[in-house]
Amino acid sequence: MTRIATRPCPFRESEMLRQGGIHPVLARLFAARGLTDPRDLSAELTALIPPPGLLHIDAAAVFLADAIAAGKRMVIVADYDCDGATACATALRGLRAMGAKVDFIVPNRFEYGYGLTPEIVALTAREKAPDIIITVDNGIASIDGVEEAKRRGIEVVVTDHHLPGDKLPDARVIVNPNQPACGFPSKNLAGVGVVFYVLLALRAELRRRGVFDAQTQPKLDHLLDLVALGTVADVVKLDTNNRILVAQGLKRMRAGRMHAGVAALFRVAGRQARCATPFDLGFALGPRLNAAGRLEDMSLGIECLITDDEGRAWALAQQLNEINLKRREIEAEMQDAALLHLDDFQPAQSTTISVFDDTWHQGVIGIVASRLKEKFYRPTITFAPAGDGWIKGSGRSIAGFHLRDALDLVSKRAPSLIDKFGGHAMAAGLSIRAEAFDAFAQAFEAVGRALLTEQQLERVIETDGPLEDAYFTPQFIEILDGIVWGQGFAPPVFCDEFRVVSQRILKERHLKLLLEKNGARYDAIWFGRTDAVGERARVAFRLDANEYNGTTRVQLMVEHAEPA
């Protein structure tokens, strides 16, 4: 079941924002999202929460400054997704600008697994011989890996944003807003955001030591296109602090002041950087970087982000694009197979989905889990073979069901079932034995039945209610596009009743509509829908500016429709 609901909007807060000079529609949208202070709309870097609020960040800055002064060799161990790639590129560029001897390594996810494992430490020691390992976007759960590094005389700095387990690794220093006792107000920094903060603190420490002054210090705002890309692609909540980081990154992209690799990714994706949006970062650039980590080697993605040679960046972006096309093909085949597995699936009788296929590619199971979750609106975990009788699962969740906590509950109820697990509220991963799949599926379903209510299993399309006729214009869409919308600060979806003038199916997959309200007619499209709607419909929609032959017209992107 899917239903349309209107997001409550506190009138008093909305009116105060309007009286403070905010556009009347924006005032309503902001108030409905809990934003009441116009100062929270600031996109200036001066409004960022200062670095000292992050636990141990000053210790990290002192340690890294000492290491740079002593000429110690550092190696960054990165995660293999877009956040990990941008965090690695940000750390490399920032540390090198401050005089560090630093290299990077991205282990093959299929050989070495996730995080700083003992095997990755051994590989890093053998290939790079570092004095210091710096983890980016991973490491908070790497108890054994840190121990192995210490055994080899390598010191470890952990920078991460994932939720910690019951025990922390015994690293030299840990910077993570989600570690115990960290009072940093924004718990939602992505891995790349944490690294950016560490660089800010390190630069301040080097200034204090007289290495730089305000004029000669490296300009870290040059890194904000990378920070914005990783933050949006990792789907972390865009709280006030993250919105500033993303807004500043988008501003650089729109002005053409971005790194060669980011510019090449825009070009290969057929997107215009001069009007870059969070949507471009999350759905065009991010997937092309992620594809390298899913199917091959994320080193390709990192090389694209750290080169200043435009020709090299373009060649790498084309390679990433080819890998992404291959990823799409594999994903389509896996999705078809998943739907065959779920042929008898009855959503009304199940609260969760677990699917395993011994032909699946473990680099793509997360996307398939996401697609199945969208289709059935159930927490979903898909599994693929991982060798030696092991299978790896990647899960995606729905609102109100904390996936990592659910896996923790499964492991507590059945201690021998899960080998390893980790993740967030909305996404998590795990490893189990292949023969334990059925037992896991039953245990996961039992947790789902215990924690989920019928209301939570109903998909709700939250809207902002009707939009006044005067704002169905390209000019108003431009105003909306100037705001950083995203996870936790949802882009506006409006809802109103329309007469359906005509409807036809496009490319056998999409519904093209002509809708009418108060004498005005609007083109509309409902992607992935082929069933007709009635003569009058209540439509939830987003506004889109459709350019054709030099003319810009308003088009409605339908999220859902129901009989009026």
Protein backbone atom coordinates (compact mmCIF):
# COMPACT_ATOMS: atom_id res chain seq x y z
CA MET A 1 0.00 0.00 0.00
CA THR A 2 1.14 3.51 -0.85
CA ARG A 3 -0.66 6.63 0.28
CA ILE A 4 -0.13 10.36 -0.08
CA ALA A 5 0.15 12.43 3.09
CA THR A 6 0.74 16.14 3.69
CA ARG A 7 3.70 17.08 5.84
CA PRO A 8 2.54 19.15 8.84
CA CYS A 9 3.69 22.76 8.70
CA PRO A 10 3.73 24.89 11.88
CA PHE A 11 2.02 28.15 10.85
CA ARG A 12 3.73 30.39 13.41
CA GLU A 13 7.25 29.29 12.39
CA SER A 14 6.38 29.58 8.71
CA GLU A 15 4.99 33.10 9.21
CA MET A 16 8.08 34.20 11.17
CA LEU A 17 10.34 32.99 8.36
CA ARG A 18 8.17 34.81 5.80
CA GLN A 19 8.27 38.02 7.83
CA GLY A 20 12.04 37.60 8.03
CA GLY A 21 12.20 37.98 4.25
CA ILE A 22 12.04 34.34 3.14
CA HIS A 23 10.02 33.56 -0.02
CA PRO A 24 6.48 32.59 1.14
CA VAL A 25 6.61 29.08 -0.36
CA LEU A 26 10.15 28.48 0.91
CA ALA A 27 9.08 29.67 4.37
CA ARG A 28 6.40 26.97 4.37
CA LEU A 29 8.81 24.30 3.08
CA PHE A 30 11.53 25.16 5.60
CA ALA A 31 9.15 25.28 8.58
CA ALA A 32 7.72 21.87 7.61
CA ARG A 33 11.29 20.48 7.72
CA GLY A 34 11.92 21.81 11.21
CA LEU A 35 14.03 24.80 10.18
CA THR A 36 12.99 27.84 12.19
CA ASP A 37 16.05 30.06 12.37
CA PRO A 38 17.01 31.91 9.15
CA ARG A 39 20.65 31.69 10.31
CA ASP A 40 20.46 27.91 9.70
CA LEU A 41 20.10 28.76 6.01
CA SER A 42 23.59 30.26 5.88
CA ALA A 43 25.80 28.59 3.30
CA GLU A 44 28.92 30.47 4.37
CA LEU A 45 31.97 28.53 5.58
CA THR A 46 32.16 30.84 8.61
CA ALA A 47 28.91 29.23 9.83
CA LEU A 48 30.51 25.73 10.01
CA ILE A 49 30.78 24.15 13.46
CA PRO A 50 34.44 24.71 14.50
CA PRO A 51 36.76 21.64 14.40
CA PRO A 52 37.62 21.61 18.15
CA GLY A 53 34.16 20.19 18.85
CA LEU A 54 35.27 16.85 17.37
CA LEU A 55 36.72 14.56 20.03
CA HIS A 56 40.51 13.96 19.67
CA ILE A 57 40.80 16.19 16.58
CA ASP A 58 43.45 18.36 18.26
CA ALA A 59 45.44 15.25 19.19
CA ALA A 60 45.21 14.08 15.57
CA ALA A 61 46.43 17.49 14.35
CA VAL A 62 49.42 17.48 16.72
CA PHE A 63 50.33 13.88 15.83
CA LEU A 64 50.13 14.52 12.05
CA ALA A 65 52.04 17.81 12.34
CA ASP A 66 54.82 16.00 14.25
CA ALA A 67 54.83 13.23 11.62
CA ILE A 68 55.14 15.75 8.77
CA ALA A 69 58.01 17.50 10.58
CA ALA A 70 59.78 14.14 11.07
CA GLY A 71 59.30 13.16 7.40
CA LYS A 72 57.34 10.02 8.30
CA ARG A 73 55.73 7.96 5.54
CA MET A 74 51.93 7.88 5.65
CA VAL A 75 49.54 5.63 3.76
CA ILE A 76 45.80 6.21 3.47
CA VAL A 77 43.65 3.08 3.56
CA ALA A 78 40.36 3.99 1.90
CA ASP A 79 36.93 2.44 1.64
CA TYR A 80 35.82 1.43 -1.86
CA ASP A 81 32.71 3.59 -2.32
CA CYS A 82 32.28 7.21 -3.45
CA ASP A 83 32.63 8.56 0.09
CA GLY A 84 35.83 6.53 0.54
CA ALA A 85 37.22 7.66 -2.82
CA THR A 86 36.51 11.36 -2.23
CA ALA A 87 37.80 11.08 1.36
CA CYS A 88 41.02 9.52 0.08
CA ALA A 89 41.47 12.17 -2.63
CA THR A 90 40.72 14.95 -0.11
CA ALA A 91 43.22 13.53 2.41
CA LEU A 92 45.92 13.04 -0.24
CA ARG A 93 45.56 16.51 -1.71
CA GLY A 94 45.29 18.21 1.69
CA LEU A 95 48.17 16.35 3.36
CA ARG A 96 50.49 16.80 0.37
CA ALA A 97 49.71 20.54 0.33
CA MET A 98 50.89 20.61 3.95
CA GLY A 99 54.14 18.84 3.20
CA ALA A 100 53.30 15.23 4.08
CA LYS A 101 54.86 12.19 2.41
CA VAL A 102 51.66 10.29 1.74
CA ASP A 103 50.41 7.53 -0.56
CA PHE A 104 47.21 5.47 -0.67
CA ILE A 105 46.00 1.93 -1.04
CA VAL A 106 42.50 0.63 -1.73
CA PRO A 107 42.31 -3.09 -1.10
CA ASN A 108 40.25 -5.24 -3.45
CA ARG A 109 36.94 -5.65 -1.60
CA PHE A 110 36.51 -9.22 -2.84
CA GLU A 111 39.91 -10.40 -1.57
CA TYR A 112 40.31 -8.43 1.63
CA GLY A 113 36.82 -7.46 2.77
CA TYR A 114 35.84 -4.21 4.42
CA GLY A 115 37.89 -2.04 6.77
CA LEU A 116 41.46 -2.25 8.02
CA THR A 117 41.85 -6.03 8.29
CA PRO A 118 45.10 -7.76 9.33
CA GLU A 119 45.49 -8.90 5.69
CA ILE A 120 45.25 -5.30 4.45
CA VAL A 121 47.81 -4.21 7.04
CA ALA A 122 50.18 -6.95 5.81
CA LEU A 123 49.62 -5.87 2.18
CA THR A 124 50.17 -2.19 3.04
CA ALA A 125 53.34 -2.98 5.00
CA ARG A 126 54.67 -5.10 2.12
CA GLU A 127 53.87 -2.65 -0.69
CA LYS A 128 54.18 0.76 0.96
CA ALA A 129 56.29 0.30 4.16
CA PRO A 130 54.52 3.12 6.03
CA ASP A 131 55.25 4.55 9.46
CA ILE A 132 51.61 5.61 9.80
CA ILE A 133 48.32 4.29 8.40
CA ILE A 134 45.40 6.73 8.15
CA THR A 135 41.99 5.16 7.58
CA VAL A 136 39.30 7.17 5.79
CA ASP A 137 35.61 6.23 5.89
CA ASN A 138 36.48 3.01 7.75
CA GLY A 139 38.45 1.73 10.74
CA ILE A 140 36.08 2.19 13.68
CA ALA A 141 35.43 -1.57 13.76
CA SER A 142 38.99 -2.65 12.83
CA ILE A 143 40.08 -4.08 16.19
CA ASP A 144 42.26 -6.86 14.73
CA GLY A 145 43.71 -4.72 11.94
CA VAL A 146 44.90 -2.03 14.33
CA GLU A 147 46.47 -4.71 16.55
CA GLU A 148 48.31 -6.14 13.54
CA ALA A 149 49.58 -2.66 12.60
CA LYS A 150 50.83 -2.09 16.14
CA ARG A 151 52.56 -5.48 16.09
CA ARG A 152 54.41 -4.31 12.98
CA GLY A 153 55.33 -0.96 14.55
CA ILE A 154 52.88 1.03 12.40
CA GLU A 155 50.82 3.73 14.12
CA VAL A 156 47.18 4.14 13.09
CA VAL A 157 44.98 7.22 12.85
CA VAL A 158 41.31 6.28 12.38
CA THR A 159 39.02 8.79 10.66
CA ASP A 160 35.52 7.39 10.23
CA HIS A 161 31.84 8.22 10.65
CA HIS A 162 30.30 4.75 10.99
CA LEU A 163 28.69 3.62 14.22
CA PRO A 164 31.16 1.90 16.57
CA GLY A 165 30.68 -1.53 18.10
CA ASP A 166 30.97 -2.35 21.80
CA LYS A 167 34.76 -2.00 21.63
CA LEU A 168 36.96 0.59 19.91
CA PRO A 169 40.26 -0.22 18.15
CA ASP A 170 43.39 0.68 20.13
CA ALA A 171 44.54 3.25 17.55
CA ARG A 172 46.91 6.14 18.22
CA VAL A 173 43.96 8.51 17.70
CA ILE A 174 40.34 8.14 16.55
CA VAL A 175 38.32 10.98 15.01
CA ASN A 176 34.68 9.98 14.56
CA PRO A 177 31.66 12.13 15.55
CA ASN A 178 29.80 8.92 16.47
CA GLN A 179 32.35 7.54 18.95
CA PRO A 180 31.36 7.56 22.63
CA ALA A 181 31.81 10.87 24.48
CA CYS A 182 32.11 12.93 21.28
CA GLY A 183 29.90 15.97 21.73
CA PHE A 184 30.14 17.21 18.14
CA PRO A 185 26.68 18.62 17.31
CA SER A 186 26.57 17.15 13.78
CA LYS A 187 26.72 13.36 13.98
CA ASN A 188 26.00 13.23 10.24
CA LEU A 189 29.38 14.05 8.72
CA ALA A 190 30.31 11.68 5.90
CA GLY A 191 33.77 10.09 5.89
CA VAL A 192 34.99 12.85 3.57
CA GLY A 193 33.57 15.47 5.94
CA VAL A 194 35.53 14.00 8.86
CA VAL A 195 38.76 14.08 6.80
CA PHE A 196 38.09 17.70 5.79
CA TYR A 197 37.74 18.63 9.45
CA VAL A 198 41.01 16.85 10.32
CA LEU A 199 42.75 18.88 7.60
CA LEU A 200 41.30 22.13 8.99
CA ALA A 201 42.63 21.24 12.46
CA LEU A 202 46.03 20.21 11.07
CA ARG A 203 46.37 23.48 9.14
CA ALA A 204 45.52 25.44 12.30
CA GLU A 205 48.20 23.48 14.21
CA LEU A 206 50.80 24.18 11.48
CA ARG A 207 49.86 27.88 11.60
CA ARG A 208 50.35 27.82 15.36
CA ARG A 209 53.84 26.36 14.80
CA GLY A 210 54.69 29.08 12.30
CA VAL A 211 54.91 26.73 9.29
CA PHE A 212 52.26 28.83 7.51
CA ASP A 213 50.53 32.11 8.10
CA ALA A 214 47.08 33.22 6.90
CA GLN A 215 48.56 34.27 3.52
CA THR A 216 50.81 31.26 2.83
CA GLN A 217 48.60 28.44 4.17
CA PRO A 218 47.07 25.94 1.68
CA LYS A 219 43.55 26.85 0.57
CA LEU A 220 41.44 23.93 1.77
CA ASP A 221 38.25 25.35 0.24
CA HIS A 222 39.67 24.01 -3.06
CA LEU A 223 38.70 20.56 -1.76
CA LEU A 224 35.00 21.33 -1.28
CA ASP A 225 33.86 19.92 -4.63
CA LEU A 226 35.20 16.54 -3.44
CA VAL A 227 33.61 16.99 0.01
CA ALA A 228 30.21 17.80 -1.53
CA LEU A 229 30.34 14.84 -3.91
CA GLY A 230 31.17 12.31 -1.17
CA THR A 231 28.65 13.78 1.28
CA VAL A 232 25.72 13.61 -1.15
CA ALA A 233 26.69 10.22 -2.61
CA ASP A 234 26.88 8.64 0.87
CA VAL A 235 23.26 9.72 1.57
CA VAL A 236 24.07 11.10 5.02
CA LYS A 237 21.57 13.50 6.55
CA LEU A 238 21.96 17.01 5.17
CA ASP A 239 21.82 18.85 8.49
CA THR A 240 22.82 22.52 8.65
CA ASN A 241 26.55 21.70 8.74
CA ASN A 242 26.46 19.25 5.83
CA ARG A 243 24.30 21.64 3.78
CA ILE A 244 27.05 24.27 4.12
CA LEU A 245 29.71 21.82 2.88
CA VAL A 246 27.52 20.74 -0.05
CA ALA A 247 26.42 24.29 -0.94
CA GLN A 248 30.05 25.45 -1.03
CA GLY A 249 31.05 22.49 -3.20
CA LEU A 250 28.19 23.10 -5.63
CA LYS A 251 29.11 26.79 -5.78
CA ARG A 252 32.63 25.86 -6.91
CA MET A 253 31.29 23.40 -9.50
CA ARG A 254 28.85 25.95 -10.95
CA ALA A 255 31.67 28.50 -11.20
CA GLY A 256 33.90 25.97 -13.01
CA ARG A 257 36.37 25.86 -10.09
CA MET A 258 36.44 22.10 -9.63
CA HIS A 259 39.06 19.38 -9.96
CA ALA A 260 39.72 17.93 -13.41
CA GLY A 261 38.23 14.55 -12.45
CA VAL A 262 34.98 16.05 -11.17
CA ALA A 263 34.65 18.11 -14.37
CA ALA A 264 35.30 14.97 -16.46
CA LEU A 265 32.64 13.02 -14.54
CA PHE A 266 30.08 15.76 -15.26
CA ARG A 267 31.01 15.65 -18.94
CA VAL A 268 30.90 11.86 -19.29
CA ALA A 269 27.53 11.77 -17.50
CA GLY A 270 26.11 14.37 -19.90
CA ARG A 271 25.40 16.84 -17.06
CA GLN A 272 26.06 20.59 -16.94
CA ALA A 273 28.36 21.56 -14.08
CA ARG A 274 27.25 25.21 -14.40
CA CYS A 275 23.85 24.20 -12.99
CA ALA A 276 25.03 21.35 -10.73
CA THR A 277 22.55 20.00 -8.19
CA PRO A 278 22.72 17.40 -5.40
CA PHE A 279 20.74 15.15 -7.76
CA ASP A 280 23.65 15.22 -10.25
CA LEU A 281 26.10 14.24 -7.51
CA GLY A 282 23.94 11.43 -6.12
CA PHE A 283 22.61 9.94 -9.34
CA ALA A 284 25.16 10.75 -12.08
CA LEU A 285 28.66 11.27 -10.66
CA GLY A 286 28.42 9.10 -7.53
CA PRO A 287 27.32 5.89 -9.32
CA ARG A 288 30.17 6.17 -11.84
CA LEU A 289 32.72 6.32 -9.03
CA ASN A 290 30.93 3.61 -7.04
CA ALA A 291 30.91 1.27 -10.06
CA ALA A 292 34.71 1.00 -9.94
CA GLY A 293 34.60 -0.23 -6.34
CA ARG A 294 31.68 -2.54 -7.05
CA LEU A 295 33.13 -4.35 -10.06
CA GLU A 296 36.84 -3.64 -10.29
CA ASP A 297 39.28 -1.42 -8.40
CA MET A 298 38.43 1.90 -6.72
CA SER A 299 42.01 3.05 -7.44
CA LEU A 300 40.63 4.10 -10.86
CA GLY A 301 38.13 6.42 -9.19
CA ILE A 302 40.73 7.88 -6.82
CA GLU A 303 43.21 8.41 -9.70
CA CYS A 304 40.47 10.31 -11.54
CA LEU A 305 39.99 12.59 -8.52
CA ILE A 306 43.68 13.24 -7.79
CA THR A 307 45.00 13.94 -11.28
CA ASP A 308 45.34 17.53 -12.46
CA ASP A 309 45.83 16.41 -16.07
CA GLU A 310 42.54 17.03 -17.91
CA GLY A 311 43.30 14.46 -20.61
CA ARG A 312 44.08 11.78 -18.03
CA ALA A 313 40.96 12.70 -16.04
CA TRP A 314 38.81 12.38 -19.18
CA ALA A 315 40.30 8.98 -20.07
CA LEU A 316 39.66 7.71 -16.52
CA ALA A 317 36.12 9.14 -16.47
CA GLN A 318 35.39 7.25 -19.71
CA GLN A 319 36.70 4.05 -18.14
CA LEU A 320 34.50 4.63 -15.09
CA ASN A 321 31.53 5.21 -17.40
CA GLU A 322 32.14 1.90 -19.18
CA ILE A 323 32.34 0.06 -15.86
CA ASN A 324 29.07 1.71 -14.81
CA LEU A 325 27.35 0.52 -18.01
CA LYS A 326 28.56 -3.00 -17.24
CA ARG A 327 27.29 -2.61 -13.66
CA ARG A 328 23.84 -1.65 -15.00
CA GLU A 329 23.70 -4.78 -17.17
CA ILE A 330 24.66 -7.05 -14.27
CA GLU A 331 22.18 -5.27 -12.01
CA ALA A 332 19.31 -5.72 -14.51
CA GLU A 333 20.01 -9.47 -14.78
CA MET A 334 20.23 -9.83 -10.99
CA GLN A 335 17.02 -7.89 -10.50
CA ASP A 336 15.17 -10.19 -12.92
CA ALA A 337 16.53 -13.21 -11.03
CA ALA A 338 15.53 -11.68 -7.69
CA LEU A 339 11.95 -11.17 -8.87
CA LEU A 340 11.85 -14.83 -9.94
CA HIS A 341 13.02 -15.83 -6.45
CA LEU A 342 10.25 -13.64 -5.04
CA ASP A 343 7.54 -14.88 -7.40
CA ASP A 344 5.50 -16.24 -4.48
CA PHE A 345 6.41 -13.43 -2.09
CA GLN A 346 3.38 -12.04 -0.23
CA PRO A 347 4.21 -8.61 1.24
CA ALA A 348 1.14 -8.74 3.49
CA GLN A 349 2.55 -11.85 5.20
CA SER A 350 6.19 -10.73 5.54
CA THR A 351 7.99 -7.84 7.20
CA THR A 352 11.42 -8.45 5.61
CA ILE A 353 13.05 -9.85 2.47
CA SER A 354 16.18 -12.03 2.31
CA VAL A 355 17.33 -13.37 -1.07
CA PHE A 356 20.38 -15.40 -2.09
CA ASP A 357 21.50 -16.48 -5.55
CA ASP A 358 24.76 -18.36 -6.13
CA THR A 359 25.32 -16.60 -9.50
CA TRP A 360 25.16 -13.06 -8.14
CA HIS A 361 28.00 -10.52 -8.06
CA GLN A 362 28.69 -9.30 -4.53
CA GLY A 363 29.62 -5.82 -5.78
CA VAL A 364 26.07 -5.19 -7.02
CA ILE A 365 23.89 -6.79 -4.33
CA GLY A 366 23.49 -3.49 -2.46
CA ILE A 367 21.86 -1.83 -5.47
CA VAL A 368 19.57 -4.83 -6.01
CA ALA A 369 18.58 -4.72 -2.32
CA SER A 370 17.75 -1.04 -2.78
CA ARG A 371 15.57 -1.74 -5.84
CA LEU A 372 13.69 -4.55 -4.07
CA LYS A 373 13.19 -2.38 -1.00
CA GLU A 374 11.68 0.32 -3.23
CA LYS A 375 9.39 -2.16 -4.99
CA PHE A 376 8.07 -4.03 -1.94
CA TYR A 377 8.79 -1.47 0.81
CA ARG A 378 10.32 -4.02 3.15
CA PRO A 379 13.81 -4.08 4.77
CA THR A 380 15.76 -6.15 2.26
CA ILE A 381 19.05 -8.07 2.36
CA THR A 382 20.48 -9.68 -0.77
CA PHE A 383 23.32 -12.23 -0.63
CA ALA A 384 26.01 -13.35 -3.07
CA PRO A 385 28.78 -15.99 -2.85
CA ALA A 386 32.02 -14.83 -1.19
CA GLY A 387 34.06 -18.06 -1.55
CA ASP A 388 34.91 -20.96 0.76
CA GLY A 389 31.29 -21.52 1.71
CA TRP A 390 30.70 -17.91 2.81
CA ILE A 391 28.07 -15.54 1.49
CA LYS A 392 27.99 -11.76 1.85
CA GLY A 393 24.82 -9.77 2.35
CA SER A 394 24.04 -6.13 1.67
CA GLY A 395 20.90 -4.62 3.13
CA ARG A 396 18.72 -1.54 2.71
CA SER A 397 16.03 -0.46 5.15
CA ILE A 398 12.85 1.57 5.46
CA ALA A 399 12.05 4.46 7.81
CA GLY A 400 11.84 3.43 11.45
CA PHE A 401 13.79 0.17 11.13
CA HIS A 402 17.46 0.55 12.16
CA LEU A 403 19.16 -2.11 10.06
CA ARG A 404 22.46 -2.31 11.94
CA ASP A 405 20.61 -2.57 15.26
CA ALA A 406 18.34 -5.25 13.78
CA LEU A 407 21.40 -7.31 12.76
CA ASP A 408 22.83 -6.78 16.24
CA LEU A 409 19.58 -8.20 17.66
CA VAL A 410 19.78 -11.22 15.32
CA SER A 411 23.37 -11.87 16.44
CA LYS A 412 22.38 -11.63 20.11
CA ARG A 413 19.44 -14.02 19.67
CA ALA A 414 21.47 -16.46 17.56
CA PRO A 415 25.16 -15.84 18.43
CA SER A 416 26.59 -18.35 15.92
CA LEU A 417 24.59 -17.14 12.91
CA ILE A 418 26.41 -13.98 11.76
CA ASP A 419 30.17 -13.88 11.35
CA LYS A 420 30.58 -10.11 10.86
CA PHE A 421 28.23 -7.18 10.39
CA GLY A 422 28.24 -3.37 10.38
CA GLY A 423 26.64 -0.29 8.90
CA HIS A 424 24.01 2.39 9.50
CA ALA A 425 20.29 2.71 10.16
CA MET A 426 19.41 2.52 6.45
CA ALA A 427 22.20 0.34 5.04
CA ALA A 428 24.29 -2.51 6.45
CA GLY A 429 26.40 -5.50 5.43
CA LEU A 430 27.13 -8.92 6.89
CA SER A 431 28.80 -12.29 6.30
CA ILE A 432 27.28 -15.71 7.06
CA ARG A 433 27.85 -19.32 6.03
CA ALA A 434 25.88 -20.33 2.93
CA GLU A 435 24.16 -23.16 4.81
CA ALA A 436 22.95 -20.65 7.42
CA PHE A 437 20.95 -18.59 4.93
CA ASP A 438 17.53 -20.07 5.71
CA ALA A 439 18.13 -19.80 9.46
CA PHE A 440 19.23 -16.18 9.03
CA ALA A 441 16.19 -15.32 6.88
CA GLN A 442 13.91 -16.72 9.60
CA ALA A 443 15.76 -14.91 12.40
CA PHE A 444 15.72 -11.62 10.45
CA GLU A 445 11.99 -12.01 9.79
CA ALA A 446 11.39 -12.66 13.51
CA VAL A 447 13.15 -9.38 14.36
CA GLY A 448 11.10 -7.61 11.68
CA ARG A 449 7.85 -8.96 13.15
CA ALA A 450 8.91 -7.85 16.62
CA LEU A 451 9.94 -4.33 15.64
CA LEU A 452 7.73 -3.27 12.71
CA THR A 453 4.09 -2.18 12.86
CA GLU A 454 1.55 -2.29 10.02
CA GLN A 455 1.75 1.49 9.71
CA GLN A 456 5.54 1.37 9.26
CA LEU A 457 5.15 -1.15 6.44
CA GLU A 458 2.92 1.24 4.51
CA ARG A 459 4.76 3.50 2.09
CA VAL A 460 3.86 7.12 2.70
CA ILE A 461 4.63 9.77 0.06
CA GLU A 462 5.10 12.89 2.17
CA THR A 463 4.12 16.05 0.31
CA ASP A 464 4.02 19.77 0.96
CA GLY A 465 0.40 20.10 -0.13
CA PRO A 466 -0.84 22.24 -3.01
CA LEU A 467 1.30 24.79 -4.84
CA GLU A 468 -0.30 28.09 -5.84
CA ASP A 469 -0.81 28.48 -9.60
CA ALA A 470 1.51 31.50 -9.73
CA TYR A 471 4.54 29.33 -8.91
CA PHE A 472 4.32 26.81 -11.75
CA THR A 473 7.12 28.73 -13.47
CA PRO A 474 10.75 28.16 -14.54
CA GLN A 475 11.69 31.14 -12.34
CA PHE A 476 10.31 29.46 -9.21
CA ILE A 477 12.02 26.19 -10.15
CA GLU A 478 15.28 28.14 -10.34
CA ILE A 479 14.67 29.39 -6.77
CA LEU A 480 14.09 25.81 -5.59
CA ASP A 481 17.25 24.64 -7.38
CA GLY A 482 19.25 27.20 -5.42
CA ILE A 483 18.53 25.31 -2.17
CA VAL A 484 20.53 22.26 -1.07
CA TRP A 485 17.89 19.53 -0.66
CA GLY A 486 18.70 15.92 0.19
CA GLN A 487 18.60 13.20 2.84
CA GLY A 488 16.93 14.57 5.98
CA PHE A 489 16.02 17.83 4.19
CA ALA A 490 13.70 16.38 1.59
CA PRO A 491 13.26 18.07 -1.78
CA PRO A 492 9.76 19.53 -2.15
CA VAL A 493 6.97 17.30 -3.40
CA PHE A 494 3.65 19.05 -3.97
CA CYS A 495 0.21 17.50 -4.19
CA ASP A 496 -3.00 18.58 -5.88
CA GLU A 497 -6.05 17.37 -7.75
CA PHE A 498 -5.90 17.43 -11.56
CA ARG A 499 -8.10 16.49 -14.50
CA VAL A 500 -6.31 13.92 -16.66
CA VAL A 501 -6.64 15.29 -20.22
CA SER A 502 -4.62 12.51 -21.87
CA GLN A 503 -2.20 9.70 -21.07
CA ARG A 504 -0.01 7.37 -23.11
CA ILE A 505 2.82 4.91 -22.52
CA LEU A 506 6.36 5.93 -23.50
CA LYS A 507 8.99 3.32 -24.45
CA GLU A 508 6.77 0.61 -22.88
CA ARG A 509 7.93 1.75 -19.43
CA HIS A 510 6.72 5.25 -18.52
CA LEU A 511 3.36 7.04 -18.36
CA LYS A 512 3.18 10.41 -20.15
CA LEU A 513 0.31 12.60 -18.97
CA LEU A 514 -1.33 15.92 -19.75
CA LEU A 515 -2.87 17.33 -16.57
CA GLU A 516 -5.19 20.29 -16.09
CA LYS A 517 -5.88 22.49 -13.06
CA ASN A 518 -7.76 25.82 -13.02
CA GLY A 519 -7.62 26.04 -16.81
CA ALA A 520 -3.83 25.59 -17.00
CA ARG A 521 -2.35 22.47 -18.58
CA TYR A 522 0.89 20.75 -17.59
CA ASP A 523 2.97 17.97 -19.13
CA ALA A 524 3.74 15.24 -16.62
CA ILE A 525 5.66 11.97 -16.58
CA TRP A 526 5.47 9.03 -14.19
CA PHE A 527 8.63 6.95 -14.59
CA GLY A 528 8.36 3.17 -14.23
CA ARG A 529 4.55 3.23 -14.40
CA THR A 530 2.42 1.83 -17.21
CA ASP A 531 -1.01 1.44 -15.57
CA ALA A 532 -3.47 4.17 -16.52
CA VAL A 533 -4.89 6.62 -13.98
CA GLY A 534 -8.50 7.75 -13.77
CA GLU A 535 -10.10 10.89 -15.21
CA ARG A 536 -9.44 12.83 -12.02
CA ALA A 537 -6.40 12.13 -9.90
CA ARG A 538 -4.73 13.35 -6.74
CA VAL A 539 -1.11 13.68 -7.85
CA ALA A 540 2.08 13.97 -5.79
CA PHE A 541 4.70 15.65 -8.00
CA ARG A 542 8.03 17.43 -8.21
CA LEU A 543 8.57 20.45 -10.44
CA ASP A 544 11.02 20.14 -13.32
CA ALA A 545 12.18 22.61 -15.96
CA ASN A 546 12.18 20.86 -19.33
CA GLU A 547 14.31 22.55 -21.99
CA TYR A 548 13.49 21.81 -25.64
CA ASN A 549 14.48 23.79 -28.74
CA GLY A 550 15.56 26.75 -26.62
CA THR A 551 12.24 26.94 -24.74
CA THR A 552 11.90 26.07 -21.07
CA ARG A 553 8.58 24.66 -19.88
CA VAL A 554 7.39 23.35 -16.54
CA GLN A 555 7.00 19.59 -16.34
CA LEU A 556 5.59 17.62 -13.42
CA MET A 557 7.54 14.56 -12.30
CA VAL A 558 4.90 12.27 -10.78
CA GLU A 559 5.85 10.49 -7.55
CA HIS A 560 2.44 8.88 -7.04
CA ALA A 561 -1.17 9.32 -8.06
CA GLU A 562 -4.45 8.05 -6.64
CA PRO A 563 -8.10 8.47 -7.65
CA ALA A 564 -9.44 11.89 -6.64
